[in-house]
């Protein structure tokens, strides 16, 4: 599977996508095409945990007081499904590998995998 989960209104996602060769990769804007439970389960399996996919930078993270709680994987899964901003972005699924987020190392590793 070759798919990128991203947010079209996110400048960081746009910058990263412009640096990648996305030919032949399905681009899924999570705001207009929400993540399905099956897609999220596949991502969690590849990532090893729901926490790896969870963005603690989301505005709602602080608004809901989540930083003061220890969240289980099932709670994180529900939060991501209910609010797209909780997904750490972008997420690249490429030939059985997963690349999560926008750290320089992740972006470089994803760039190398796509090339």
Protein backbone atom coordinates (compact mmCIF):
# COMPACT_ATOMS: atom_id res chain seq x y z
CA UNK A 1 0.00 0.00 0.00
CA UNK A 2 1.20 3.46 -0.89
CA UNK A 3 -0.74 6.18 0.88
CA UNK A 4 -0.06 9.50 2.57
CA UNK A 5 -2.37 10.79 5.26
CA UNK A 6 -2.01 14.55 5.49
CA UNK A 7 -3.87 17.77 6.14
CA UNK A 8 -4.18 20.08 3.13
CA UNK A 9 -4.35 23.17 5.34
CA UNK A 10 -1.07 22.32 7.10
CA UNK A 11 1.90 24.27 5.73
CA UNK A 12 4.35 21.69 7.08
CA UNK A 13 2.51 18.88 5.28
CA UNK A 14 2.48 20.90 2.04
CA UNK A 15 6.22 21.60 2.30
CA UNK A 16 7.02 17.94 2.90
CA UNK A 17 4.73 16.69 0.14
CA UNK A 18 6.36 19.12 -2.30
CA UNK A 19 9.74 17.58 -1.47
CA UNK A 20 8.56 13.98 -2.04
CA UNK A 21 7.92 12.18 -5.31
CA UNK A 22 4.28 11.27 -4.70
CA UNK A 23 3.63 9.78 -8.13
CA UNK A 24 1.71 6.55 -7.66
CA UNK A 25 0.96 7.30 -4.00
CA UNK A 26 -2.62 7.96 -2.92
CA UNK A 27 -2.94 11.26 -1.05
CA UNK A 28 -5.66 11.23 1.60
CA UNK A 29 -6.58 14.61 3.06
CA UNK A 30 -7.81 13.56 6.50
CA UNK A 31 -10.06 16.60 6.79
CA UNK A 32 -12.12 15.82 3.70
CA UNK A 33 -11.63 12.03 3.65
CA UNK A 34 -11.60 10.88 7.29
CA UNK A 35 -9.47 7.97 8.44
CA UNK A 36 -11.45 4.75 8.69
CA UNK A 37 -11.17 2.49 11.72
CA UNK A 38 -9.55 -0.19 9.52
CA UNK A 39 -6.95 2.28 8.20
CA UNK A 40 -6.12 3.41 11.72
CA UNK A 41 -5.84 -0.18 12.93
CA UNK A 42 -3.39 -0.91 10.09
CA UNK A 43 -1.33 2.16 11.04
CA UNK A 44 -1.32 1.17 14.72
CA UNK A 45 -0.14 -2.34 13.81
CA UNK A 46 2.73 -0.97 11.70
CA UNK A 47 3.65 1.70 14.27
CA UNK A 48 3.51 -0.67 17.24
CA UNK A 49 1.18 1.55 19.26
CA UNK A 50 -1.51 4.19 18.93
CA UNK A 51 0.66 6.56 20.94
CA UNK A 52 3.20 6.69 18.09
CA UNK A 53 0.49 8.22 15.89
CA UNK A 54 -0.91 10.62 18.48
CA UNK A 55 -0.14 14.33 18.22
CA UNK A 56 0.27 16.02 21.55
CA UNK A 57 0.61 19.33 19.73
CA UNK A 58 -3.06 19.42 18.75
CA UNK A 59 -4.90 22.37 20.23
CA UNK A 60 -7.59 20.09 21.63
CA UNK A 61 -4.97 18.11 23.54
CA UNK A 62 -4.57 21.02 25.94
CA UNK A 63 -8.19 22.15 25.74
CA UNK A 64 -9.43 18.73 26.85
CA UNK A 65 -6.82 18.49 29.61
CA UNK A 66 -5.35 15.31 28.13
CA UNK A 67 -1.79 16.14 29.14
CA UNK A 68 -2.73 15.36 32.72
CA UNK A 69 -4.01 11.87 31.88
CA UNK A 70 -2.40 8.55 30.97
CA UNK A 71 -4.29 7.53 27.83
CA UNK A 72 -4.69 3.91 26.77
CA UNK A 73 -4.23 2.84 23.14
CA UNK A 74 -8.01 2.38 22.81
CA UNK A 75 -8.63 5.93 24.11
CA UNK A 76 -6.02 7.33 21.72
CA UNK A 77 -7.58 5.37 18.85
CA UNK A 78 -11.00 6.86 19.62
CA UNK A 79 -9.57 10.38 19.88
CA UNK A 80 -7.85 10.09 16.48
CA UNK A 81 -11.03 8.75 14.88
CA UNK A 82 -13.16 11.50 16.41
CA UNK A 83 -10.80 14.42 15.68
CA UNK A 84 -8.40 14.38 12.71
CA UNK A 85 -6.04 16.90 14.35
CA UNK A 86 -4.94 14.22 16.83
CA UNK A 87 -3.11 12.32 14.06
CA UNK A 88 0.60 13.15 13.91
CA UNK A 89 1.15 14.25 10.31
CA UNK A 90 2.01 13.38 7.67
CA UNK A 91 1.82 9.59 7.79
CA UNK A 92 3.31 7.71 4.86
CA UNK A 93 2.49 4.05 4.32
CA UNK A 94 4.89 2.69 1.74
CA UNK A 95 5.41 -0.99 0.93
CA UNK A 96 4.79 -2.26 4.46
CA UNK A 97 6.67 0.57 6.17
CA UNK A 98 5.26 3.51 8.11
CA UNK A 99 6.76 6.97 8.49
CA UNK A 100 5.06 9.21 11.05
CA UNK A 101 5.42 12.93 11.55
CA UNK A 102 7.65 15.69 10.34
CA UNK A 103 10.94 15.31 12.19
CA UNK A 104 13.95 15.73 9.88
CA UNK A 105 14.99 12.08 10.37
CA UNK A 106 11.52 10.74 9.52
CA UNK A 107 11.24 12.98 6.46
CA UNK A 108 14.70 11.89 5.24
CA UNK A 109 13.94 8.20 5.82
CA UNK A 110 10.62 8.54 3.98
CA UNK A 111 12.29 10.44 1.14
CA UNK A 112 14.88 7.65 0.80
CA UNK A 113 12.15 4.96 0.83
CA UNK A 114 10.15 6.68 -1.91
CA UNK A 115 13.18 7.30 -4.13
